[in-house]
N, C-alpha and C. Protein backbone atom coordinates (compact mmCIF):
# COMPACT_ATOMS: atom_id res chain seq x y z
N MET A 1 26.90 -24.35 -4.20
CA MET A 1 26.12 -24.84 -3.05
C MET A 1 26.60 -23.74 -1.75
N ALA A 2 27.57 -23.07 -1.94
CA ALA A 2 27.87 -22.19 -0.93
C ALA A 2 27.12 -21.02 -1.15
N SER A 3 26.23 -20.45 -2.23
CA SER A 3 25.42 -19.44 -2.11
C SER A 3 24.11 -19.98 -1.58
N THR A 4 23.69 -21.35 -1.89
CA THR A 4 22.39 -21.75 -1.31
C THR A 4 22.65 -21.73 0.10
N ARG A 5 23.54 -21.94 0.71
CA ARG A 5 23.96 -22.07 2.27
C ARG A 5 23.80 -20.66 2.85
N ASN A 6 24.20 -19.57 2.08
CA ASN A 6 24.13 -18.17 2.57
C ASN A 6 23.09 -17.66 2.48
N LEU A 7 22.28 -18.26 1.14
CA LEU A 7 20.68 -17.60 1.38
C LEU A 7 19.96 -18.32 2.59
N GLN A 8 20.15 -19.59 2.93
CA GLN A 8 19.56 -20.27 3.79
C GLN A 8 19.69 -19.57 5.23
N LYS A 9 21.23 -19.24 5.31
CA LYS A 9 21.32 -18.53 6.48
C LYS A 9 20.89 -16.89 6.78
N ALA A 10 20.74 -16.44 5.42
CA ALA A 10 20.04 -14.99 5.33
C ALA A 10 18.66 -15.01 6.00
N VAL A 11 17.75 -16.34 5.67
CA VAL A 11 16.55 -16.21 6.31
C VAL A 11 16.08 -17.44 7.38
N GLU A 12 17.51 -17.59 8.11
CA GLU A 12 17.29 -18.41 9.19
C GLU A 12 16.11 -17.55 10.45
N THR A 13 15.47 -18.22 11.08
CA THR A 13 14.52 -17.72 12.23
C THR A 13 15.59 -17.83 13.49
N PRO A 14 15.36 -17.38 14.47
CA PRO A 14 15.95 -17.51 15.84
C PRO A 14 15.86 -19.06 16.02
N ARG A 15 14.58 -19.62 15.83
CA ARG A 15 14.83 -21.27 15.99
C ARG A 15 15.55 -21.70 15.26
N GLU A 16 15.63 -21.65 14.18
CA GLU A 16 16.71 -22.45 13.16
C GLU A 16 18.02 -22.08 13.63
N GLN A 17 18.19 -20.76 13.78
CA GLN A 17 19.73 -20.71 14.24
C GLN A 17 20.23 -21.20 15.45
N ALA A 18 19.04 -21.94 16.26
CA ALA A 18 19.51 -22.67 17.63
C ALA A 18 19.53 -23.96 17.25
N GLY A 19 19.50 -24.54 16.08
CA GLY A 19 19.84 -25.65 15.61
C GLY A 19 18.47 -26.38 14.99
N ALA A 20 17.56 -25.91 14.81
CA ALA A 20 16.56 -26.68 14.15
C ALA A 20 16.97 -26.72 12.67
N PRO A 21 16.44 -27.79 11.85
CA PRO A 21 16.80 -27.82 10.47
C PRO A 21 16.27 -26.52 9.41
N LEU A 22 17.23 -26.51 8.64
CA LEU A 22 17.29 -25.42 7.77
C LEU A 22 15.99 -25.53 6.95
N LEU A 23 15.44 -24.76 5.68
CA LEU A 23 14.16 -24.83 5.30
C LEU A 23 14.35 -25.64 4.03
N GLY A 24 15.32 -26.14 3.54
CA GLY A 24 14.97 -27.33 2.07
C GLY A 24 15.54 -26.59 1.11
N SER A 25 14.97 -26.88 -0.15
CA SER A 25 15.50 -26.43 -1.57
C SER A 25 15.58 -25.03 -1.84
N PRO A 26 16.57 -24.65 -2.48
CA PRO A 26 16.95 -23.29 -2.94
C PRO A 26 15.64 -22.61 -3.10
N GLU A 27 14.72 -23.15 -3.99
CA GLU A 27 13.27 -22.46 -4.30
C GLU A 27 12.50 -22.19 -2.93
N ARG A 28 12.49 -23.27 -2.08
CA ARG A 28 11.94 -23.02 -0.74
C ARG A 28 12.60 -22.06 0.32
N VAL A 29 13.70 -21.88 -0.07
CA VAL A 29 14.44 -20.76 0.96
C VAL A 29 14.22 -19.35 0.38
N ALA A 30 14.03 -19.48 -1.11
CA ALA A 30 14.12 -18.01 -1.66
C ALA A 30 12.70 -17.73 -1.53
N ASP A 31 11.61 -18.58 -1.39
CA ASP A 31 10.45 -18.20 -0.85
C ASP A 31 10.27 -17.56 0.19
N HIS A 32 10.78 -18.06 1.35
CA HIS A 32 11.12 -17.53 2.53
C HIS A 32 11.58 -16.27 2.69
N LEU A 33 12.79 -16.36 1.83
CA LEU A 33 13.32 -14.97 1.83
C LEU A 33 12.32 -13.65 1.43
N ASN A 34 11.81 -14.01 0.24
CA ASN A 34 10.81 -12.98 -0.28
C ASN A 34 9.93 -12.81 0.64
N ASN A 35 9.28 -13.83 1.25
CA ASN A 35 8.34 -13.56 2.35
C ASN A 35 8.76 -12.42 3.20
N ARG A 36 10.30 -12.60 3.87
CA ARG A 36 10.76 -12.03 4.87
C ARG A 36 11.11 -10.28 4.13
N ILE A 37 11.49 -10.32 2.96
CA ILE A 37 11.49 -9.13 2.40
C ILE A 37 10.31 -8.42 2.45
N PHE A 38 9.14 -8.83 2.03
CA PHE A 38 8.03 -8.26 1.97
C PHE A 38 7.52 -7.84 3.28
N PHE A 39 7.45 -8.43 4.17
CA PHE A 39 6.99 -8.42 5.63
C PHE A 39 7.91 -7.34 6.57
N ARG A 40 9.20 -7.49 6.05
CA ARG A 40 9.91 -6.43 6.47
C ARG A 40 9.35 -5.09 5.92
N LEU A 41 9.24 -5.06 4.83
CA LEU A 41 8.51 -3.62 4.14
C LEU A 41 7.31 -3.25 4.90
N PHE A 42 6.67 -4.15 4.92
CA PHE A 42 5.25 -3.80 5.51
C PHE A 42 5.70 -3.31 7.02
N GLN A 43 6.46 -3.81 7.88
CA GLN A 43 6.70 -3.37 9.19
C GLN A 43 7.47 -1.99 9.14
N VAL A 44 8.38 -1.72 8.24
CA VAL A 44 8.99 -0.39 8.05
C VAL A 44 8.00 0.73 7.90
N ALA A 45 7.17 0.23 6.47
CA ALA A 45 5.85 1.19 6.43
C ALA A 45 5.11 1.56 7.65
N ASN A 46 4.92 0.59 8.43
CA ASN A 46 4.07 0.84 9.81
C ASN A 46 4.97 1.50 10.84
N THR A 47 6.06 1.15 10.98
CA THR A 47 7.06 1.91 11.73
C THR A 47 7.30 3.38 11.35
N LEU A 48 7.28 3.53 10.26
CA LEU A 48 7.42 4.92 9.56
C LEU A 48 6.12 5.67 9.98
N GLN A 49 4.97 5.36 9.60
CA GLN A 49 3.85 5.87 9.93
C GLN A 49 3.68 6.11 11.40
N LYS A 50 4.07 5.23 12.53
CA LYS A 50 3.81 5.45 13.71
C LYS A 50 4.82 6.61 14.27
N GLN A 51 6.01 6.50 13.93
CA GLN A 51 6.88 7.23 14.29
C GLN A 51 6.69 8.71 13.93
N ALA A 52 6.09 8.92 12.53
CA ALA A 52 5.75 10.25 11.97
C ALA A 52 4.65 10.86 12.70
N VAL A 53 3.59 10.06 12.68
CA VAL A 53 2.68 10.69 13.86
C VAL A 53 3.00 11.32 15.07
N LYS A 54 4.13 10.40 15.75
CA LYS A 54 4.55 10.50 17.13
C LYS A 54 5.42 11.57 17.19
N GLU A 55 6.51 11.74 16.19
CA GLU A 55 7.43 12.66 16.37
C GLU A 55 7.04 13.92 15.54
N LEU A 56 6.23 13.88 14.53
CA LEU A 56 6.00 15.18 13.51
C LEU A 56 4.52 15.59 13.65
N GLY A 57 3.52 14.62 14.31
CA GLY A 57 2.25 15.01 14.52
C GLY A 57 1.56 14.88 12.91
N VAL A 58 2.11 14.25 11.73
CA VAL A 58 1.33 14.27 10.81
C VAL A 58 1.31 12.53 10.33
N THR A 59 0.52 12.17 9.33
CA THR A 59 0.70 11.04 9.23
C THR A 59 1.49 11.04 7.58
N THR A 60 1.95 9.81 7.32
CA THR A 60 3.03 9.84 6.29
C THR A 60 2.35 10.41 5.09
N VAL A 61 0.95 9.98 4.78
CA VAL A 61 0.06 10.71 3.74
C VAL A 61 0.24 11.94 3.58
N GLN A 62 -0.18 12.87 4.78
CA GLN A 62 -0.10 13.93 5.01
C GLN A 62 1.33 14.55 4.70
N TRP A 63 2.14 14.18 5.01
CA TRP A 63 3.47 14.72 4.82
C TRP A 63 3.87 14.49 3.22
N ALA A 64 3.48 13.40 2.70
CA ALA A 64 3.77 13.34 1.44
C ALA A 64 3.02 14.34 0.63
N VAL A 65 1.83 14.54 1.01
CA VAL A 65 1.05 15.56 0.41
C VAL A 65 1.62 17.16 0.32
N LEU A 66 1.82 17.52 1.57
CA LEU A 66 2.32 18.80 1.96
C LEU A 66 3.67 19.06 0.97
N GLY A 67 4.33 17.85 0.91
CA GLY A 67 5.60 17.90 0.05
C GLY A 67 5.62 18.05 -1.14
N ALA A 68 4.59 17.09 -1.81
CA ALA A 68 4.45 17.31 -3.34
C ALA A 68 3.70 18.63 -3.56
N LEU A 69 2.97 19.25 -2.91
CA LEU A 69 2.48 20.38 -3.12
C LEU A 69 3.28 21.95 -2.84
N SER A 70 4.30 21.69 -2.32
CA SER A 70 5.22 22.43 -1.90
C SER A 70 6.18 23.07 -2.74
N ASP A 71 6.17 22.68 -4.08
CA ASP A 71 7.04 22.89 -4.87
C ASP A 71 6.98 24.49 -5.40
N PRO A 72 7.94 25.06 -5.34
CA PRO A 72 8.06 26.81 -5.15
C PRO A 72 7.71 27.22 -6.74
N ARG A 73 8.06 26.47 -7.61
CA ARG A 73 7.76 26.80 -9.20
C ARG A 73 6.34 27.58 -9.15
N PRO A 74 6.18 28.70 -9.91
CA PRO A 74 4.81 28.91 -10.33
C PRO A 74 3.68 27.92 -10.71
N THR A 75 2.59 27.77 -10.08
CA THR A 75 1.95 26.61 -10.49
C THR A 75 0.42 27.31 -10.09
N TYR A 76 -0.40 26.58 -10.76
CA TYR A 76 -1.97 27.03 -10.42
C TYR A 76 -2.47 26.00 -9.76
N GLY A 77 -1.66 24.93 -9.18
CA GLY A 77 -2.26 23.70 -8.44
C GLY A 77 -1.99 22.37 -9.18
N VAL A 78 -2.45 21.13 -8.53
CA VAL A 78 -2.25 19.97 -8.82
C VAL A 78 -3.81 19.17 -8.72
N SER A 79 -4.21 18.44 -9.93
CA SER A 79 -5.60 17.93 -9.75
C SER A 79 -5.34 16.78 -8.70
N VAL A 80 -6.35 16.21 -8.19
CA VAL A 80 -6.34 15.37 -7.20
C VAL A 80 -6.01 14.02 -7.94
N GLY A 81 -6.33 13.61 -9.14
CA GLY A 81 -6.08 12.51 -9.89
C GLY A 81 -4.35 12.48 -10.22
N THR A 82 -3.87 13.75 -10.48
CA THR A 82 -2.28 13.62 -10.76
C THR A 82 -1.69 13.58 -9.30
N LEU A 83 -2.11 14.15 -8.45
CA LEU A 83 -1.45 14.16 -7.28
C LEU A 83 -1.60 12.43 -6.36
N ALA A 84 -2.84 11.94 -6.85
CA ALA A 84 -3.06 10.45 -6.38
C ALA A 84 -2.24 9.67 -6.96
N ASP A 85 -1.96 9.62 -8.29
CA ASP A 85 -1.01 9.18 -9.14
C ASP A 85 0.66 9.38 -8.61
N PHE A 86 0.92 10.45 -8.40
CA PHE A 86 2.35 10.69 -8.05
C PHE A 86 2.38 10.22 -6.82
N LEU A 87 1.64 9.71 -5.88
CA LEU A 87 1.69 9.40 -4.38
C LEU A 87 1.63 8.07 -4.39
N VAL A 88 0.75 7.47 -5.44
CA VAL A 88 0.65 5.96 -5.64
C VAL A 88 -0.46 5.67 -4.24
N VAL A 89 -1.36 6.52 -4.37
CA VAL A 89 -2.45 6.31 -3.15
C VAL A 89 -3.90 6.43 -4.27
N SER A 90 -4.75 5.65 -3.55
CA SER A 90 -6.23 5.88 -4.28
C SER A 90 -6.56 7.31 -4.25
N ARG A 91 -7.61 7.57 -4.94
CA ARG A 91 -8.36 8.80 -4.85
C ARG A 91 -9.19 8.94 -3.61
N GLN A 92 -9.96 7.77 -3.33
CA GLN A 92 -10.63 8.16 -2.03
C GLN A 92 -10.01 8.31 -0.95
N ASN A 93 -8.64 7.69 -0.58
CA ASN A 93 -7.82 7.75 0.61
C ASN A 93 -7.17 9.26 0.55
N LEU A 94 -6.84 9.64 -0.81
CA LEU A 94 -6.66 10.98 -0.96
C LEU A 94 -7.35 11.97 -0.53
N ASP A 95 -8.31 11.89 -0.61
CA ASP A 95 -9.62 12.77 -0.50
C ASP A 95 -9.97 12.85 0.82
N GLY A 96 -9.74 11.85 1.73
CA GLY A 96 -10.07 12.24 3.20
C GLY A 96 -8.82 12.82 3.94
N VAL A 97 -7.63 12.65 3.46
CA VAL A 97 -6.10 13.18 3.54
C VAL A 97 -6.69 14.71 3.54
N LEU A 98 -6.96 14.90 2.13
CA LEU A 98 -7.23 16.38 1.40
C LEU A 98 -8.17 17.19 2.63
N LYS A 99 -9.41 16.51 2.96
CA LYS A 99 -10.63 17.03 3.88
C LYS A 99 -9.89 17.60 5.05
N ARG A 100 -9.10 16.85 5.52
CA ARG A 100 -8.31 16.95 7.02
C ARG A 100 -7.22 18.24 6.86
N LEU A 101 -6.79 18.14 5.63
CA LEU A 101 -5.71 19.27 5.67
C LEU A 101 -6.44 20.68 5.20
N GLU A 102 -7.50 20.48 4.49
CA GLU A 102 -8.46 21.69 4.19
C GLU A 102 -9.08 22.32 5.72
N ARG A 103 -9.39 21.28 6.45
CA ARG A 103 -10.16 21.83 7.67
C ARG A 103 -8.92 22.24 8.61
N ASP A 104 -7.58 21.92 8.34
CA ASP A 104 -6.61 22.52 9.15
C ASP A 104 -6.02 23.80 8.52
N GLY A 105 -6.64 24.14 7.43
CA GLY A 105 -6.37 25.56 6.92
C GLY A 105 -4.81 25.38 5.93
N LEU A 106 -4.51 24.14 5.82
CA LEU A 106 -3.30 23.86 5.09
C LEU A 106 -3.35 23.73 3.79
N VAL A 107 -4.33 23.24 2.96
CA VAL A 107 -4.57 23.27 1.64
C VAL A 107 -5.92 23.63 1.14
N GLU A 108 -6.04 23.87 0.07
CA GLU A 108 -7.30 24.40 -0.31
C GLU A 108 -7.66 23.78 -1.98
N ARG A 109 -8.81 23.71 -2.06
CA ARG A 109 -9.34 23.05 -3.59
C ARG A 109 -10.09 24.17 -4.16
N VAL A 110 -9.53 24.45 -5.41
CA VAL A 110 -9.99 25.49 -5.98
C VAL A 110 -10.15 25.21 -7.48
N THR A 111 -11.06 25.86 -8.45
CA THR A 111 -11.35 25.89 -9.77
C THR A 111 -9.95 26.06 -10.41
N ASP A 112 -9.98 24.86 -11.41
CA ASP A 112 -8.82 24.79 -12.31
C ASP A 112 -8.95 25.95 -13.24
N PRO A 113 -7.86 26.87 -13.20
CA PRO A 113 -8.16 28.11 -14.21
C PRO A 113 -8.15 27.79 -15.74
N GLU A 114 -7.38 26.37 -16.19
CA GLU A 114 -7.60 25.95 -17.42
C GLU A 114 -8.61 25.23 -17.94
N ASP A 115 -9.63 24.68 -16.71
CA ASP A 115 -10.70 23.89 -16.95
C ASP A 115 -11.53 24.10 -15.87
N LYS A 116 -12.29 24.95 -16.15
CA LYS A 116 -13.40 25.46 -14.91
C LYS A 116 -14.16 24.25 -14.51
N ARG A 117 -14.38 23.23 -15.12
CA ARG A 117 -15.10 21.98 -14.58
C ARG A 117 -14.06 21.26 -13.36
N GLY A 118 -12.99 21.37 -13.54
CA GLY A 118 -12.10 20.70 -12.77
C GLY A 118 -11.63 21.34 -11.35
N ARG A 119 -10.77 20.69 -10.30
CA ARG A 119 -10.57 21.47 -9.25
C ARG A 119 -9.07 20.85 -9.17
N VAL A 120 -8.30 21.86 -8.48
CA VAL A 120 -6.84 21.80 -8.26
C VAL A 120 -6.61 21.93 -6.69
N VAL A 121 -5.78 21.44 -6.09
CA VAL A 121 -5.12 21.59 -4.65
C VAL A 121 -4.11 22.49 -4.76
N ASN A 122 -3.97 23.34 -4.16
CA ASN A 122 -2.88 24.06 -3.43
C ASN A 122 -2.36 24.20 -2.19
N LEU A 123 -1.32 24.31 -1.80
CA LEU A 123 -0.95 24.74 -0.25
C LEU A 123 -1.46 26.33 -0.07
N THR A 124 -1.80 26.50 1.26
CA THR A 124 -2.29 27.75 1.12
C THR A 124 -1.11 28.72 1.89
N THR A 125 -1.08 29.76 2.40
CA THR A 125 0.04 30.80 3.02
C THR A 125 0.41 29.88 4.18
N GLU A 126 -0.85 29.34 5.12
CA GLU A 126 -0.37 28.80 6.15
C GLU A 126 0.05 27.54 6.02
N GLY A 127 -0.27 26.71 4.93
CA GLY A 127 0.28 25.44 4.47
C GLY A 127 1.79 25.58 4.02
N PHE A 128 2.22 26.81 3.41
CA PHE A 128 3.56 26.75 3.20
C PHE A 128 4.50 26.98 4.53
N ALA A 129 3.99 27.85 5.28
CA ALA A 129 4.67 27.98 6.64
C ALA A 129 4.44 26.94 7.26
N PHE A 130 3.61 25.99 7.56
CA PHE A 130 3.61 24.67 8.26
C PHE A 130 4.58 23.66 7.60
N TRP A 131 4.77 23.62 6.27
CA TRP A 131 5.51 22.93 5.48
C TRP A 131 7.01 23.22 5.79
N ASN A 132 7.29 24.62 5.76
CA ASN A 132 8.65 25.08 5.95
C ASN A 132 9.12 24.36 7.36
N ASP A 133 8.43 24.73 8.31
CA ASP A 133 8.68 24.32 9.68
C ASP A 133 8.80 22.70 9.85
N LEU A 134 7.92 21.96 9.42
CA LEU A 134 7.99 20.69 9.18
C LEU A 134 8.99 20.14 8.51
N ARG A 135 9.56 20.53 7.26
CA ARG A 135 10.55 20.03 6.62
C ARG A 135 11.87 19.77 7.21
N GLU A 136 12.19 20.78 7.99
CA GLU A 136 13.29 20.91 8.99
C GLU A 136 13.19 19.81 9.87
N ARG A 137 11.95 19.50 10.39
CA ARG A 137 11.87 18.38 11.40
C ARG A 137 12.20 17.02 10.82
N ILE A 138 11.73 16.96 9.35
CA ILE A 138 11.83 15.78 8.66
C ILE A 138 13.17 15.73 8.29
N PHE A 139 13.93 16.51 8.16
CA PHE A 139 15.30 16.25 7.80
C PHE A 139 16.28 15.50 9.04
N GLN A 140 15.85 16.30 10.27
CA GLN A 140 16.32 15.20 11.43
C GLN A 140 15.61 14.00 11.59
N PHE A 141 14.48 13.83 11.38
CA PHE A 141 13.59 12.64 11.21
C PHE A 141 14.85 11.65 10.49
N TYR A 142 15.12 11.96 9.26
CA TYR A 142 15.59 11.04 8.22
C TYR A 142 16.92 10.72 8.77
N ASP A 143 17.68 11.66 9.39
CA ASP A 143 19.16 11.76 9.84
C ASP A 143 19.23 10.56 10.81
N GLN A 144 18.13 10.96 11.86
CA GLN A 144 18.05 9.76 12.95
C GLN A 144 17.99 8.35 12.41
N ALA A 145 17.06 8.29 11.54
CA ALA A 145 16.40 7.03 11.05
C ALA A 145 17.66 6.05 10.00
N VAL A 146 18.65 7.21 9.42
CA VAL A 146 19.45 6.21 8.62
C VAL A 146 21.01 6.54 8.96
N ARG A 147 20.77 6.87 10.35
CA ARG A 147 22.30 7.48 11.02
C ARG A 147 23.20 5.96 10.76
N GLY A 148 23.07 4.90 11.10
CA GLY A 148 23.96 3.81 10.76
C GLY A 148 24.38 3.20 9.39
N PHE A 149 23.71 3.93 8.37
CA PHE A 149 23.85 3.49 7.21
C PHE A 149 25.05 4.64 6.55
N LYS A 150 26.03 4.15 5.66
CA LYS A 150 27.23 4.72 4.99
C LYS A 150 26.44 5.39 3.96
N PHE A 151 26.88 6.30 3.33
CA PHE A 151 26.30 7.02 2.16
C PHE A 151 25.96 6.02 0.97
N ASP A 152 27.08 5.18 0.79
CA ASP A 152 27.15 4.26 -0.51
C ASP A 152 25.72 3.27 -0.20
N ASP A 153 25.71 2.94 1.25
CA ASP A 153 24.31 2.03 1.50
C ASP A 153 23.21 2.83 1.24
N ARG A 154 22.86 4.02 1.19
CA ARG A 154 21.86 4.87 1.12
C ARG A 154 21.71 4.77 -0.28
N VAL A 155 22.50 5.08 -1.23
CA VAL A 155 22.17 5.01 -2.46
C VAL A 155 21.77 3.75 -3.00
N ALA A 156 22.62 2.62 -2.53
CA ALA A 156 22.26 1.31 -2.98
C ALA A 156 20.67 0.69 -2.41
N LEU A 157 20.26 1.57 -0.88
CA LEU A 157 19.08 0.99 -0.53
C LEU A 157 18.07 1.78 -1.65
N ALA A 158 18.29 3.17 -1.80
CA ALA A 158 17.20 3.71 -2.69
C ALA A 158 17.15 3.37 -4.22
N HIS A 159 18.41 2.75 -4.77
CA HIS A 159 18.20 1.84 -6.07
C HIS A 159 17.38 0.86 -5.99
N TYR A 160 17.74 0.09 -4.69
CA TYR A 160 16.79 -1.34 -4.86
C TYR A 160 15.52 -1.30 -4.64
N LEU A 161 15.13 -0.45 -3.62
CA LEU A 161 13.58 0.24 -3.66
C LEU A 161 13.12 0.69 -4.84
N ASN A 162 13.79 1.43 -5.59
CA ASN A 162 13.21 1.94 -6.73
C ASN A 162 13.02 0.89 -7.83
N SER A 163 13.90 -0.37 -7.80
CA SER A 163 13.79 -1.32 -8.54
C SER A 163 12.78 -2.23 -8.26
N LEU A 164 12.44 -2.32 -7.06
CA LEU A 164 11.46 -3.12 -6.25
C LEU A 164 10.23 -2.38 -6.76
N GLN A 165 9.94 -1.41 -6.67
CA GLN A 165 8.66 -0.57 -7.10
C GLN A 165 8.18 -0.70 -8.43
N GLY A 166 9.44 -0.80 -9.42
CA GLY A 166 9.22 -0.92 -11.00
C GLY A 166 8.63 -2.22 -11.09
N GLN A 167 9.63 -3.47 -10.43
CA GLN A 167 9.04 -4.60 -10.52
C GLN A 167 7.70 -4.90 -10.12
N LEU A 168 7.40 -4.12 -9.00
CA LEU A 168 5.98 -4.49 -8.43
C LEU A 168 4.66 -3.93 -9.56
N THR A 169 5.00 -3.04 -10.30
CA THR A 169 3.91 -2.57 -11.08
C THR A 169 4.10 -3.64 -12.35
N LYS A 170 4.84 -4.55 -12.39
CA LYS A 170 4.69 -5.41 -13.60
C LYS A 170 4.24 -6.91 -13.10
N VAL A 171 3.91 -6.99 -11.63
CA VAL A 171 3.33 -8.24 -11.39
C VAL A 171 2.18 -8.57 -12.18
N SER A 172 1.90 -9.81 -12.68
CA SER A 172 0.51 -10.26 -13.34
C SER A 172 0.84 -11.70 -13.31
N LEU A 173 -0.57 -12.43 -12.04
CA LEU A 173 -0.42 -13.48 -11.88
C LEU A 173 -1.19 -14.23 -12.73
N GLU A 174 -0.79 -15.80 -13.57
CA GLU A 174 -1.49 -16.37 -14.36
C GLU A 174 -2.92 -16.76 -13.89
N GLN A 175 -2.91 -17.22 -12.65
CA GLN A 175 -4.05 -17.66 -12.04
C GLN A 175 -5.03 -16.74 -11.66
N PRO A 176 -6.26 -16.93 -11.83
CA PRO A 176 -7.37 -16.02 -11.34
C PRO A 176 -7.31 -15.83 -9.97
N ARG A 177 -7.33 -14.35 -9.68
CA ARG A 177 -7.47 -13.99 -8.01
C ARG A 177 -8.41 -15.00 -7.42
N ARG A 178 -8.36 -15.05 -6.13
CA ARG A 178 -9.13 -16.01 -5.13
C ARG A 178 -10.15 -15.24 -4.62
N GLU A 179 -11.42 -15.69 -4.71
CA GLU A 179 -12.46 -14.36 -4.02
C GLU A 179 -12.61 -15.00 -2.50
N ARG A 180 -12.57 -14.41 -1.66
CA ARG A 180 -12.89 -14.35 -0.07
C ARG A 180 -14.31 -14.78 -0.01
N LYS A 181 -14.66 -15.71 0.88
CA LYS A 181 -16.00 -16.04 1.09
C LYS A 181 -16.49 -14.91 1.99
N LYS A 182 -17.48 -14.77 1.77
CA LYS A 182 -18.26 -13.74 2.70
C LYS A 182 -18.90 -14.24 3.77
N GLY A 183 -18.86 -13.89 5.10
CA GLY A 183 -19.05 -14.64 6.19
C GLY A 183 -20.72 -15.07 6.46
N ARG A 184 -20.83 -15.99 6.83
CA ARG A 184 -22.45 -16.26 6.92
C ARG A 184 -23.05 -15.63 8.05
N LYS A 185 -24.32 -15.17 7.86
CA LYS A 185 -25.02 -14.51 9.00
C LYS A 185 -25.73 -15.61 9.79
N ARG A 186 -25.58 -15.15 10.92
CA ARG A 186 -25.97 -16.20 12.10
C ARG A 186 -27.62 -15.58 12.24
N SER A 187 -28.33 -16.49 12.61
CA SER A 187 -29.81 -16.43 12.54
C SER A 187 -30.07 -16.46 13.84
């Protein structure tokens, strides 16, 4: 029973902390805890996006694309599909980001030397220079963001996030997905 009480305390809202009744059964408490975890991940991702644009002048996807393409090993480039899979983004979203980075002269799409029908993405010389400057600011960004975490806490957090990502890829709900109703047109 002590573990149930600890779980309940972990998910208490300020209203509940002020004396309102706790949430109920362990299953119900776990549902609320899971909701809190995933909502917090949503908030963290949005805060990261907002702060990246504010402090670094790039979106998190731009940052990730530049970092992924910055590998100094000799390469002929990365296909859009491979890059999308690596970053866990859709090809459509990645295409828009690549267009903006191309417009800014940071990346280029060129014919794949191994398959003339395909195209690959490379950082330009300007892109490498931009990334090298940005990377130093990113390290400062990271340091400030995790300042209150001990090294072991950082290792544990990375471990749990990796585990969560792996578990998310295995989610398979038994019931069919509910279709959203389309809004009615007003006459």
